[in-house]
N, C-alpha and C. Protein backbone atom coordinates (compact mmCIF):
# COMPACT_ATOMS: atom_id res chain seq x y z
N MET A 1 71.60 19.64 118.35
CA MET A 1 72.98 20.10 118.18
C MET A 1 72.99 21.61 118.01
N GLU A 2 74.05 22.19 118.44
CA GLU A 2 74.27 23.62 118.22
C GLU A 2 74.95 23.79 116.87
N VAL A 3 74.58 24.84 116.13
CA VAL A 3 75.19 25.10 114.82
C VAL A 3 75.91 26.44 114.88
N SER A 4 77.13 26.45 114.35
CA SER A 4 77.85 27.71 114.19
C SER A 4 78.43 27.72 112.77
N PHE A 5 78.93 28.86 112.37
CA PHE A 5 79.40 29.04 111.00
C PHE A 5 80.86 29.47 110.99
N ALA A 6 81.67 28.83 110.16
CA ALA A 6 83.08 29.20 110.02
C ALA A 6 83.20 30.54 109.29
N ASP A 7 82.26 30.81 108.38
CA ASP A 7 82.26 32.04 107.60
C ASP A 7 81.07 32.90 108.04
N PRO A 8 81.32 34.07 108.59
CA PRO A 8 80.22 34.93 109.06
C PRO A 8 79.19 35.23 107.97
N GLN A 9 79.60 35.23 106.72
CA GLN A 9 78.68 35.50 105.62
C GLN A 9 77.58 34.42 105.56
N LEU A 10 77.94 33.18 105.90
CA LEU A 10 76.96 32.10 105.86
C LEU A 10 75.89 32.23 106.94
N GLU A 11 76.20 32.94 108.02
CA GLU A 11 75.21 33.17 109.08
C GLU A 11 73.99 33.90 108.54
N LEU A 12 74.18 34.67 107.49
CA LEU A 12 73.08 35.44 106.91
C LEU A 12 71.99 34.57 106.31
N ILE A 13 72.31 33.30 106.01
CA ILE A 13 71.33 32.39 105.41
C ILE A 13 70.06 32.32 106.24
N GLU A 14 70.19 32.40 107.54
CA GLU A 14 69.05 32.24 108.42
C GLU A 14 68.41 33.57 108.84
N THR A 15 68.76 34.63 108.16
CA THR A 15 68.21 35.95 108.49
C THR A 15 67.48 36.55 107.30
N HIS A 16 66.91 37.72 107.52
CA HIS A 16 66.24 38.43 106.42
C HIS A 16 67.26 38.99 105.42
N ARG A 17 68.54 38.91 105.74
CA ARG A 17 69.60 39.40 104.85
C ARG A 17 70.21 38.27 104.01
N ALA A 18 69.52 37.17 103.87
CA ALA A 18 70.04 35.99 103.16
C ALA A 18 70.44 36.31 101.72
N ALA A 19 69.76 37.23 101.08
CA ALA A 19 70.08 37.58 99.68
C ALA A 19 71.51 38.12 99.54
N GLU A 20 72.05 38.66 100.62
CA GLU A 20 73.42 39.20 100.58
C GLU A 20 74.47 38.11 100.38
N THR A 21 74.10 36.86 100.57
CA THR A 21 75.04 35.76 100.36
C THR A 21 75.25 35.47 98.88
N SER A 22 74.37 35.99 98.02
CA SER A 22 74.40 35.77 96.56
C SER A 22 74.13 34.31 96.20
N LEU A 23 73.60 33.53 97.13
CA LEU A 23 73.21 32.15 96.83
C LEU A 23 71.81 32.14 96.23
N PRO A 24 71.53 31.19 95.35
CA PRO A 24 70.17 31.10 94.78
C PRO A 24 69.13 30.85 95.87
N PHE A 25 67.90 31.29 95.61
CA PHE A 25 66.82 31.14 96.59
C PHE A 25 66.63 29.68 97.00
N ALA A 26 66.67 28.77 96.04
CA ALA A 26 66.47 27.34 96.35
C ALA A 26 67.54 26.83 97.30
N VAL A 27 68.76 27.32 97.16
CA VAL A 27 69.86 26.90 98.03
C VAL A 27 69.63 27.44 99.44
N ILE A 28 69.24 28.69 99.54
CA ILE A 28 68.99 29.30 100.85
C ILE A 28 67.85 28.57 101.56
N SER A 29 66.77 28.33 100.85
CA SER A 29 65.61 27.67 101.43
C SER A 29 65.93 26.26 101.92
N THR A 30 66.60 25.48 101.09
CA THR A 30 66.93 24.11 101.46
C THR A 30 67.99 24.08 102.55
N ALA A 31 68.96 24.99 102.50
CA ALA A 31 69.98 25.06 103.56
C ALA A 31 69.33 25.34 104.91
N ARG A 32 68.35 26.22 104.94
CA ARG A 32 67.63 26.49 106.19
C ARG A 32 66.97 25.23 106.73
N ALA A 33 66.35 24.47 105.84
CA ALA A 33 65.70 23.23 106.26
C ALA A 33 66.72 22.22 106.77
N ARG A 34 67.85 22.09 106.07
CA ARG A 34 68.90 21.16 106.50
C ARG A 34 69.46 21.57 107.86
N LEU A 35 69.65 22.86 108.08
CA LEU A 35 70.17 23.34 109.37
C LEU A 35 69.18 23.06 110.49
N SER A 36 67.89 23.15 110.20
CA SER A 36 66.87 22.81 111.21
C SER A 36 66.95 21.34 111.60
N ILE A 37 67.17 20.49 110.61
CA ILE A 37 67.29 19.05 110.87
C ILE A 37 68.53 18.78 111.72
N ILE A 38 69.64 19.44 111.38
CA ILE A 38 70.88 19.25 112.16
C ILE A 38 70.64 19.68 113.61
N ARG A 39 70.00 20.82 113.79
CA ARG A 39 69.74 21.31 115.16
C ARG A 39 68.85 20.35 115.95
N ALA A 40 67.88 19.75 115.28
CA ALA A 40 66.94 18.85 115.96
C ALA A 40 67.55 17.48 116.26
N SER A 41 68.62 17.15 115.57
CA SER A 41 69.24 15.84 115.76
C SER A 41 70.03 15.79 117.06
N PRO A 42 69.89 14.71 117.82
CA PRO A 42 70.63 14.63 119.08
C PRO A 42 72.12 14.34 118.90
N ASP A 43 72.47 13.68 117.77
CA ASP A 43 73.88 13.34 117.57
C ASP A 43 74.15 12.96 116.11
N LEU A 44 75.41 12.76 115.82
CA LEU A 44 75.86 12.42 114.46
C LEU A 44 75.33 11.05 114.03
N VAL A 45 75.25 10.11 114.94
CA VAL A 45 74.76 8.77 114.62
C VAL A 45 73.34 8.84 114.05
N THR A 46 72.51 9.66 114.65
CA THR A 46 71.13 9.81 114.18
C THR A 46 71.10 10.36 112.76
N LEU A 47 71.92 11.36 112.47
CA LEU A 47 71.97 11.92 111.12
C LEU A 47 72.46 10.89 110.11
N ARG A 48 73.43 10.09 110.49
CA ARG A 48 73.95 9.05 109.58
C ARG A 48 72.88 8.02 109.26
N GLN A 49 72.06 7.68 110.24
CA GLN A 49 71.03 6.66 110.03
C GLN A 49 69.87 7.17 109.17
N TRP A 50 69.70 8.46 109.10
CA TRP A 50 68.64 9.04 108.29
C TRP A 50 69.15 9.19 106.86
N ARG A 51 69.02 8.15 106.08
CA ARG A 51 69.62 8.09 104.74
C ARG A 51 69.15 9.19 103.80
N SER A 52 67.90 9.59 103.90
CA SER A 52 67.39 10.62 102.99
C SER A 52 68.02 11.99 103.24
N PHE A 53 68.66 12.17 104.40
CA PHE A 53 69.35 13.43 104.69
C PHE A 53 70.59 13.57 103.80
N GLY A 54 71.21 12.46 103.43
CA GLY A 54 72.32 12.47 102.48
C GLY A 54 73.68 12.78 103.07
N LEU A 55 73.84 12.69 104.37
CA LEU A 55 75.14 12.97 105.00
C LEU A 55 76.18 11.96 104.52
N ALA A 56 77.32 12.46 104.04
CA ALA A 56 78.38 11.58 103.55
C ALA A 56 79.74 12.12 103.99
N PRO A 57 80.66 11.23 104.39
CA PRO A 57 82.01 11.69 104.73
C PRO A 57 82.66 12.33 103.51
N ASN A 58 83.43 13.37 103.75
CA ASN A 58 84.15 14.05 102.67
C ASN A 58 85.47 13.32 102.46
N ALA A 59 85.62 12.69 101.32
CA ALA A 59 86.81 11.88 101.02
C ALA A 59 88.08 12.73 100.97
N GLU A 60 87.95 13.97 100.53
CA GLU A 60 89.13 14.82 100.38
C GLU A 60 89.55 15.50 101.68
N LEU A 61 88.60 15.71 102.57
CA LEU A 61 88.89 16.43 103.81
C LEU A 61 88.44 15.60 105.01
N PRO A 62 89.33 14.81 105.60
CA PRO A 62 88.96 13.97 106.74
C PRO A 62 88.36 14.80 107.88
N GLY A 63 87.34 14.24 108.51
CA GLY A 63 86.69 14.93 109.62
C GLY A 63 85.55 15.84 109.18
N GLN A 64 85.39 16.00 107.88
CA GLN A 64 84.31 16.82 107.37
C GLN A 64 83.31 15.95 106.62
N HIS A 65 82.08 16.45 106.52
CA HIS A 65 81.01 15.73 105.84
C HIS A 65 80.34 16.66 104.83
N SER A 66 79.71 16.05 103.84
CA SER A 66 78.95 16.79 102.84
C SER A 66 77.47 16.48 103.02
N VAL A 67 76.65 17.51 102.85
CA VAL A 67 75.20 17.37 102.88
C VAL A 67 74.68 17.99 101.59
N PRO A 68 73.99 17.22 100.76
CA PRO A 68 73.46 17.81 99.53
C PRO A 68 72.37 18.83 99.84
N ILE A 69 72.44 19.94 99.13
CA ILE A 69 71.40 20.97 99.26
C ILE A 69 70.48 20.91 98.05
N THR A 70 71.07 20.94 96.88
CA THR A 70 70.36 20.69 95.63
C THR A 70 71.25 19.77 94.82
N ASP A 71 70.83 19.45 93.60
CA ASP A 71 71.67 18.58 92.79
C ASP A 71 72.96 19.26 92.36
N LYS A 72 73.05 20.59 92.53
CA LYS A 72 74.26 21.32 92.13
C LYS A 72 74.98 22.00 93.29
N TRP A 73 74.49 21.83 94.51
CA TRP A 73 75.08 22.52 95.67
C TRP A 73 75.25 21.57 96.85
N LEU A 74 76.39 21.72 97.56
CA LEU A 74 76.69 20.93 98.75
C LEU A 74 77.02 21.84 99.92
N MET A 75 76.65 21.40 101.11
CA MET A 75 77.06 22.09 102.33
C MET A 75 78.10 21.21 103.00
N THR A 76 79.23 21.78 103.36
CA THR A 76 80.29 21.06 104.05
C THR A 76 80.20 21.39 105.53
N VAL A 77 80.17 20.34 106.36
CA VAL A 77 80.05 20.53 107.80
C VAL A 77 81.10 19.71 108.54
N ARG A 78 81.39 20.15 109.75
CA ARG A 78 82.29 19.42 110.65
C ARG A 78 81.55 19.27 111.97
N PHE A 79 81.65 18.11 112.58
CA PHE A 79 80.99 17.85 113.86
C PHE A 79 82.04 17.87 114.95
N ASP A 80 81.90 18.81 115.87
CA ASP A 80 82.80 18.95 117.01
C ASP A 80 82.06 18.54 118.27
N ASN A 81 82.78 18.13 119.26
CA ASN A 81 82.19 17.80 120.56
C ASN A 81 82.79 18.67 121.65
N LEU A 82 82.83 19.94 121.40
CA LEU A 82 83.34 20.88 122.40
C LEU A 82 82.18 21.31 123.28
N GLU A 83 82.17 20.84 124.52
CA GLU A 83 81.09 21.15 125.47
C GLU A 83 79.73 20.78 124.90
N GLY A 84 79.60 19.58 124.39
CA GLY A 84 78.35 19.10 123.82
C GLY A 84 78.43 19.05 122.31
N PRO A 85 77.48 18.36 121.69
CA PRO A 85 77.52 18.25 120.23
C PRO A 85 77.40 19.61 119.56
N ARG A 86 78.28 19.85 118.63
CA ARG A 86 78.27 21.12 117.91
C ARG A 86 78.59 20.85 116.45
N THR A 87 77.89 21.53 115.56
CA THR A 87 78.14 21.43 114.14
C THR A 87 78.65 22.76 113.64
N VAL A 88 79.71 22.72 112.84
CA VAL A 88 80.25 23.93 112.25
C VAL A 88 80.02 23.84 110.74
N VAL A 89 79.28 24.79 110.20
CA VAL A 89 79.07 24.85 108.75
C VAL A 89 80.27 25.55 108.16
N ILE A 90 81.00 24.84 107.31
CA ILE A 90 82.23 25.36 106.76
C ILE A 90 82.01 26.10 105.46
N ALA A 91 81.20 25.52 104.58
CA ALA A 91 81.02 26.13 103.27
C ALA A 91 79.76 25.61 102.60
N ILE A 92 79.28 26.40 101.65
CA ILE A 92 78.24 25.96 100.73
C ILE A 92 78.81 26.22 99.35
N LYS A 93 78.97 25.15 98.59
CA LYS A 93 79.67 25.27 97.31
C LYS A 93 78.88 24.65 96.17
N LYS A 94 79.12 25.18 95.00
CA LYS A 94 78.48 24.69 93.79
C LYS A 94 79.27 23.52 93.22
N ILE A 95 78.57 22.52 92.69
CA ILE A 95 79.19 21.39 92.05
C ILE A 95 79.17 21.63 90.54
N GLU A 96 80.31 21.58 89.91
CA GLU A 96 80.38 21.77 88.46
C GLU A 96 79.92 20.50 87.75
N PRO A 97 79.49 20.60 86.49
CA PRO A 97 79.05 19.42 85.75
C PRO A 97 80.10 18.29 85.72
N SER A 98 81.37 18.64 85.82
CA SER A 98 82.44 17.63 85.83
C SER A 98 82.48 16.86 87.15
N GLY A 99 81.70 17.33 88.15
CA GLY A 99 81.71 16.70 89.45
C GLY A 99 82.64 17.40 90.43
N GLU A 100 83.40 18.37 89.95
CA GLU A 100 84.32 19.13 90.80
C GLU A 100 83.53 20.10 91.67
N VAL A 101 83.88 20.18 92.95
CA VAL A 101 83.24 21.12 93.87
C VAL A 101 84.05 22.39 93.87
N LEU A 102 83.37 23.51 93.62
CA LEU A 102 84.07 24.80 93.61
C LEU A 102 84.00 25.47 94.96
């Protein structure tokens, strides 16, 4: 799949300028690994079947999915089929102890 980013700042995760995102190192490192898995996957069905990847529909935002990065961080993605499978990374957000996503 092709990956693109809704927020240009998130594109920095995969570059030497990743620190400019102000995300913790563990989040940057794991996000890079998750993005590699998304790119290697042929389609959404494959990602859904890979349970350890943790892909889950976002109950609050139809059409979007959550991918856990760490126990306190989630990546929100949308899968588009514009000229082939494409994934758009929408956000990487921290989960508060109350369970609320910021």
